[in-house]
Amino acid sequence: ASPQSAILSAIIFNALIIIALIPLA
């Protein structure tokens, strides 16, 4: 949608993917 939504979405995804992978680790 916008540069702001792009960067916010990326930073949120970056945090959530870590916790999503903890069980696999």
PDB file of all heavy atoms in Angstrom:
ATOM      1  N   ALA A   1       0.803  -1.219   0.000  1.00  0.00           N
ATOM      2  CA  ALA A   1       0.000   0.000   0.000  1.00  0.00           C
ATOM      3  C   ALA A   1       0.835   1.268   0.000  1.00  0.00           C
ATOM      4  O   ALA A   1       0.511   2.235  -0.710  1.00  0.00           O
ATOM      5  CB  ALA A   1      -0.948  -0.010   1.205  1.00  0.00           C
ATOM      6  N   SER A   2       1.888   1.311   0.793  1.00  0.00           N
ATOM      7  CA  SER A   2       2.681   2.532   0.920  1.00  0.00           C
ATOM      8  C   SER A   2       4.063   2.171   1.456  1.00  0.00           C
ATOM      9  O   SER A   2       4.260   1.059   1.975  1.00  0.00           O
ATOM     10  CB  SER A   2       2.003   3.514   1.877  1.00  0.00           C
ATOM     11  OG  SER A   2       1.979   2.983   3.200  1.00  0.00           O
ATOM     12  N   PRO A   3       5.027   3.110   1.355  1.00  0.00           N
ATOM     13  CA  PRO A   3       6.337   2.826   1.935  1.00  0.00           C
ATOM     14  C   PRO A   3       6.264   2.529   3.427  1.00  0.00           C
ATOM     15  O   PRO A   3       6.967   1.643   3.936  1.00  0.00           O
ATOM     16  CB  PRO A   3       7.123   4.105   1.657  1.00  0.00           C
ATOM     17  CG  PRO A   3       6.477   4.684   0.438  1.00  0.00           C
ATOM     18  CD  PRO A   3       5.027   4.358   0.576  1.00  0.00           C
ATOM     19  N   GLN A   4       5.381   3.258   4.139  1.00  0.00           N
ATOM     20  CA  GLN A   4       5.261   3.032   5.588  1.00  0.00           C
ATOM     21  C   GLN A   4       4.702   1.636   5.888  1.00  0.00           C
ATOM     22  O   GLN A   4       5.188   0.929   6.771  1.00  0.00           O
ATOM     23  CB  GLN A   4       4.357   4.094   6.225  1.00  0.00           C
ATOM     24  CG  GLN A   4       4.949   5.473   6.289  1.00  0.00           C
ATOM     25  CD  GLN A   4       4.823   6.207   4.962  1.00  0.00           C
ATOM     26  OE1 GLN A   4       4.156   5.736   4.032  1.00  0.00           O
ATOM     27  NE2 GLN A   4       5.482   7.366   4.868  1.00  0.00           N
ATOM     28  N   SER A   5       3.669   1.234   5.145  1.00  0.00           N
ATOM     29  CA  SER A   5       3.090  -0.092   5.397  1.00  0.00           C
ATOM     30  C   SER A   5       4.080  -1.186   5.001  1.00  0.00           C
ATOM     31  O   SER A   5       4.137  -2.254   5.615  1.00  0.00           O
ATOM     32  CB  SER A   5       1.779  -0.261   4.634  1.00  0.00           C
ATOM     33  OG  SER A   5       2.005  -0.363   3.241  1.00  0.00           O
ATOM     34  N   ALA A   6       4.894  -0.930   3.973  1.00  0.00           N
ATOM     35  CA  ALA A   6       5.880  -1.920   3.535  1.00  0.00           C
ATOM     36  C   ALA A   6       6.906  -2.176   4.628  1.00  0.00           C
ATOM     37  O   ALA A   6       7.205  -3.331   4.966  1.00  0.00           O
ATOM     38  CB  ALA A   6       6.561  -1.449   2.252  1.00  0.00           C
ATOM     39  N   ILE A   7       7.463  -1.074   5.167  1.00  0.00           N
ATOM     40  CA  ILE A   7       8.501  -1.251   6.172  1.00  0.00           C
ATOM     41  C   ILE A   7       7.936  -1.800   7.471  1.00  0.00           C
ATOM     42  O   ILE A   7       8.543  -2.645   8.133  1.00  0.00           O
ATOM     43  CB  ILE A   7       9.269   0.071   6.410  1.00  0.00           C
ATOM     44  CG1 ILE A   7      10.560  -0.197   7.175  1.00  0.00           C
ATOM     45  CG2 ILE A   7       8.410   1.091   7.134  1.00  0.00           C
ATOM     46  CD1 ILE A   7      11.567  -1.016   6.427  1.00  0.00           C
ATOM     47  N   LEU A   8       6.732  -1.359   7.869  1.00  0.00           N
ATOM     48  CA  LEU A   8       6.122  -1.873   9.103  1.00  0.00           C
ATOM     49  C   LEU A   8       5.770  -3.350   8.946  1.00  0.00           C
ATOM     50  O   LEU A   8       6.007  -4.155   9.854  1.00  0.00           O
ATOM     51  CB  LEU A   8       4.878  -1.064   9.458  1.00  0.00           C
ATOM     52  CG  LEU A   8       4.168  -1.486  10.757  1.00  0.00           C
ATOM     53  CD1 LEU A   8       5.115  -1.364  11.947  1.00  0.00           C
ATOM     54  CD2 LEU A   8       2.908  -0.637  10.980  1.00  0.00           C
ATOM     55  N   SER A   9       5.231  -3.725   7.786  1.00  0.00           N
ATOM     56  CA  SER A   9       4.885  -5.133   7.541  1.00  0.00           C
ATOM     57  C   SER A   9       6.127  -6.014   7.582  1.00  0.00           C
ATOM     58  O   SER A   9       6.113  -7.121   8.127  1.00  0.00           O
ATOM     59  CB  SER A   9       4.186  -5.280   6.185  1.00  0.00           C
ATOM     60  OG  SER A   9       2.995  -4.528   6.148  1.00  0.00           O
ATOM     61  N   ALA A  10       7.215  -5.510   7.012  1.00  0.00           N
ATOM     62  CA  ALA A  10       8.452  -6.289   6.988  1.00  0.00           C
ATOM     63  C   ALA A  10       9.018  -6.474   8.386  1.00  0.00           C
ATOM     64  O   ALA A  10       9.497  -7.560   8.734  1.00  0.00           O
ATOM     65  CB  ALA A  10       9.473  -5.615   6.078  1.00  0.00           C
ATOM     66  N   ILE A  11       8.996  -5.409   9.203  1.00  0.00           N
ATOM     67  CA  ILE A  11       9.570  -5.512  10.543  1.00  0.00           C
ATOM     68  C   ILE A  11       8.727  -6.415  11.431  1.00  0.00           C
ATOM     69  O   ILE A  11       9.233  -7.157  12.281  1.00  0.00           O
ATOM     70  CB  ILE A  11       9.753  -4.110  11.181  1.00  0.00           C
ATOM     71  CG1 ILE A  11      10.840  -4.152  12.264  1.00  0.00           C
ATOM     72  CG2 ILE A  11       8.470  -3.570  11.762  1.00  0.00           C
ATOM     73  CD1 ILE A  11      12.217  -4.253  11.741  1.00  0.00           C
ATOM     74  N   ILE A  12       7.385  -6.390  11.222  1.00  0.00           N
ATOM     75  CA  ILE A  12       6.503  -7.285  11.984  1.00  0.00           C
ATOM     76  C   ILE A  12       6.753  -8.735  11.565  1.00  0.00           C
ATOM     77  O   ILE A  12       6.882  -9.639  12.396  1.00  0.00           O
ATOM     78  CB  ILE A  12       5.022  -6.910  11.784  1.00  0.00           C
ATOM     79  CG1 ILE A  12       4.726  -5.544  12.420  1.00  0.00           C
ATOM     80  CG2 ILE A  12       4.109  -7.981  12.371  1.00  0.00           C
ATOM     81  CD1 ILE A  12       3.334  -5.025  12.144  1.00  0.00           C
ATOM     82  N   PHE A  13       6.843  -8.952  10.242  1.00  0.00           N
ATOM     83  CA  PHE A  13       7.107 -10.310   9.750  1.00  0.00           C
ATOM     84  C   PHE A  13       8.443 -10.814  10.275  1.00  0.00           C
ATOM     85  O   PHE A  13       8.570 -11.984  10.654  1.00  0.00           O
ATOM     86  CB  PHE A  13       7.111 -10.305   8.213  1.00  0.00           C
ATOM     87  CG  PHE A  13       7.543 -11.619   7.617  1.00  0.00           C
ATOM     88  CD1 PHE A  13       6.640 -12.658   7.462  1.00  0.00           C
ATOM     89  CD2 PHE A  13       8.858 -11.824   7.221  1.00  0.00           C
ATOM     90  CE1 PHE A  13       7.042 -13.875   6.927  1.00  0.00           C
ATOM     91  CE2 PHE A  13       9.270 -13.031   6.684  1.00  0.00           C
ATOM     92  CZ  PHE A  13       8.356 -14.056   6.534  1.00  0.00           C
ATOM     93  N   ASN A  14       9.429  -9.953  10.298  1.00  0.00           N
ATOM     94  CA  ASN A  14      10.764 -10.329  10.757  1.00  0.00           C
ATOM     95  C   ASN A  14      10.749 -10.833  12.199  1.00  0.00           C
ATOM     96  O   ASN A  14      11.468 -11.765  12.558  1.00  0.00           O
ATOM     97  CB  ASN A  14      11.687  -9.114  10.637  1.00  0.00           C
ATOM     98  CG  ASN A  14      13.152  -9.502  10.641  1.00  0.00           C
ATOM     99  OD1 ASN A  14      13.587 -10.274   9.800  1.00  0.00           O
ATOM    100  ND2 ASN A  14      13.896  -8.982  11.591  1.00  0.00           N
ATOM    101  N   ALA A  15       9.922 -10.219  13.035  1.00  0.00           N
ATOM    102  CA  ALA A  15       9.821 -10.644  14.439  1.00  0.00           C
ATOM    103  C   ALA A  15       9.022 -11.936  14.571  1.00  0.00           C
ATOM    104  O   ALA A  15       9.411 -12.852  15.315  1.00  0.00           O
ATOM    105  CB  ALA A  15       9.189  -9.538  15.271  1.00  0.00           C
ATOM    106  N   LEU A  16       7.910 -12.013  13.831  1.00  0.00           N
ATOM    107  CA  LEU A  16       7.017 -13.173  13.989  1.00  0.00           C
ATOM    108  C   LEU A  16       7.623 -14.453  13.433  1.00  0.00           C
ATOM    109  O   LEU A  16       7.363 -15.543  13.953  1.00  0.00           O
ATOM    110  CB  LEU A  16       5.671 -12.895  13.311  1.00  0.00           C
ATOM    111  CG  LEU A  16       4.829 -11.762  13.917  1.00  0.00           C
ATOM    112  CD1 LEU A  16       3.519 -11.601  13.156  1.00  0.00           C
ATOM    113  CD2 LEU A  16       4.553 -12.029  15.395  1.00  0.00           C
ATOM    114  N   ILE A  17       8.447 -14.338  12.363  1.00  0.00           N
ATOM    115  CA  ILE A  17       9.003 -15.553  11.770  1.00  0.00           C
ATOM    116  C   ILE A  17       9.969 -16.236  12.735  1.00  0.00           C
ATOM    117  O   ILE A  17      10.120 -17.460  12.728  1.00  0.00           O
ATOM    118  CB  ILE A  17       9.701 -15.233  10.425  1.00  0.00           C
ATOM    119  CG1 ILE A  17       9.937 -16.524   9.638  1.00  0.00           C
ATOM    120  CG2 ILE A  17      11.025 -14.519  10.648  1.00  0.00           C
ATOM    121  CD1 ILE A  17       8.687 -17.224   9.196  1.00  0.00           C
ATOM    122  N   ILE A  18      10.602 -15.438  13.608  1.00  0.00           N
ATOM    123  CA  ILE A  18      11.515 -16.032  14.600  1.00  0.00           C
ATOM    124  C   ILE A  18      10.743 -16.923  15.552  1.00  0.00           C
ATOM    125  O   ILE A  18      11.110 -18.077  15.797  1.00  0.00           O
ATOM    126  CB  ILE A  18      12.267 -14.926  15.367  1.00  0.00           C
ATOM    127  CG1 ILE A  18      13.239 -14.199  14.428  1.00  0.00           C
ATOM    128  CG2 ILE A  18      13.036 -15.515  16.556  1.00  0.00           C
ATOM    129  CD1 ILE A  18      13.901 -12.994  15.058  1.00  0.00           C
ATOM    130  N   ILE A  19       9.652 -16.390  16.083  1.00  0.00           N
ATOM    131  CA  ILE A  19       8.897 -17.187  17.066  1.00  0.00           C
ATOM    132  C   ILE A  19       8.200 -18.359  16.391  1.00  0.00           C
ATOM    133  O   ILE A  19       7.998 -19.414  17.001  1.00  0.00           O
ATOM    134  CB  ILE A  19       7.898 -16.301  17.829  1.00  0.00           C
ATOM    135  CG1 ILE A  19       7.472 -16.986  19.127  1.00  0.00           C
ATOM    136  CG2 ILE A  19       6.669 -15.974  17.015  1.00  0.00           C
ATOM    137  CD1 ILE A  19       7.483 -16.123  20.311  1.00  0.00           C
ATOM    138  N   ALA A  20       7.876 -18.210  15.093  1.00  0.00           N
ATOM    139  CA  ALA A  20       7.242 -19.319  14.383  1.00  0.00           C
ATOM    140  C   ALA A  20       8.211 -20.480  14.186  1.00  0.00           C
ATOM    141  O   ALA A  20       7.797 -21.644  14.117  1.00  0.00           O
ATOM    142  CB  ALA A  20       6.723 -18.839  13.032  1.00  0.00           C
ATOM    143  N   LEU A  21       9.509 -20.180  14.109  1.00  0.00           N
ATOM    144  CA  LEU A  21      10.509 -21.214  13.857  1.00  0.00           C
ATOM    145  C   LEU A  21      11.104 -21.813  15.136  1.00  0.00           C
ATOM    146  O   LEU A  21      11.891 -22.756  15.059  1.00  0.00           O
ATOM    147  CB  LEU A  21      11.641 -20.655  12.996  1.00  0.00           C
ATOM    148  CG  LEU A  21      11.281 -20.325  11.545  1.00  0.00           C
ATOM    149  CD1 LEU A  21      12.442 -19.641  10.845  1.00  0.00           C
ATOM    150  CD2 LEU A  21      10.870 -21.576  10.780  1.00  0.00           C
ATOM    151  N   ILE A  22      10.764 -21.261  16.298  1.00  0.00           N
ATOM    152  CA  ILE A  22      11.316 -21.788  17.552  1.00  0.00           C
ATOM    153  C   ILE A  22      11.002 -23.274  17.738  1.00  0.00           C
ATOM    154  O   ILE A  22      11.899 -24.062  18.080  1.00  0.00           O
ATOM    155  CB  ILE A  22      10.828 -20.959  18.759  1.00  0.00           C
ATOM    156  CG1 ILE A  22      11.494 -19.576  18.744  1.00  0.00           C
ATOM    157  CG2 ILE A  22      11.150 -21.675  20.071  1.00  0.00           C
ATOM    158  CD1 ILE A  22      11.028 -18.653  19.858  1.00  0.00           C
ATOM    159  N   PRO A  23       9.745 -23.724  17.518  1.00  0.00           N
ATOM    160  CA  PRO A  23       9.485 -25.165  17.695  1.00  0.00           C
ATOM    161  C   PRO A  23      10.360 -26.042  16.801  1.00  0.00           C
ATOM    162  O   PRO A  23      10.835 -27.098  17.224  1.00  0.00           O
ATOM    163  CB  PRO A  23       8.002 -25.300  17.335  1.00  0.00           C
ATOM    164  CG  PRO A  23       7.421 -23.950  17.603  1.00  0.00           C
ATOM    165  CD  PRO A  23       8.496 -22.987  17.226  1.00  0.00           C
ATOM    166  N   LEU A  24      10.603 -25.601  15.552  1.00  0.00           N
ATOM    167  CA  LEU A  24      11.446 -26.383  14.654  1.00  0.00           C
ATOM    168  C   LEU A  24      12.889 -26.399  15.140  1.00  0.00           C
ATOM    169  O   LEU A  24      13.568 -27.428  15.079  1.00  0.00           O
ATOM    170  CB  LEU A  24      11.370 -25.807  13.237  1.00  0.00           C
ATOM    171  CG  LEU A  24      12.202 -26.541  12.173  1.00  0.00           C
ATOM    172  CD1 LEU A  24      11.747 -27.985  12.047  1.00  0.00           C
ATOM    173  CD2 LEU A  24      12.105 -25.826  10.829  1.00  0.00           C
ATOM    174  N   ALA A  25      13.372 -25.259  15.646  1.00  0.00           N
ATOM    175  CA  ALA A  25      14.742 -25.195  16.155  1.00  0.00           C
ATOM    176  C   ALA A  25      14.921 -26.116  17.358  1.00  0.00           C
ATOM    177  O   ALA A  25      15.969 -26.743  17.522  1.00  0.00           O
ATOM    178  CB  ALA A  25      15.095 -23.754  16.527  1.00  0.00           C
TER     179      ALA A  25
END
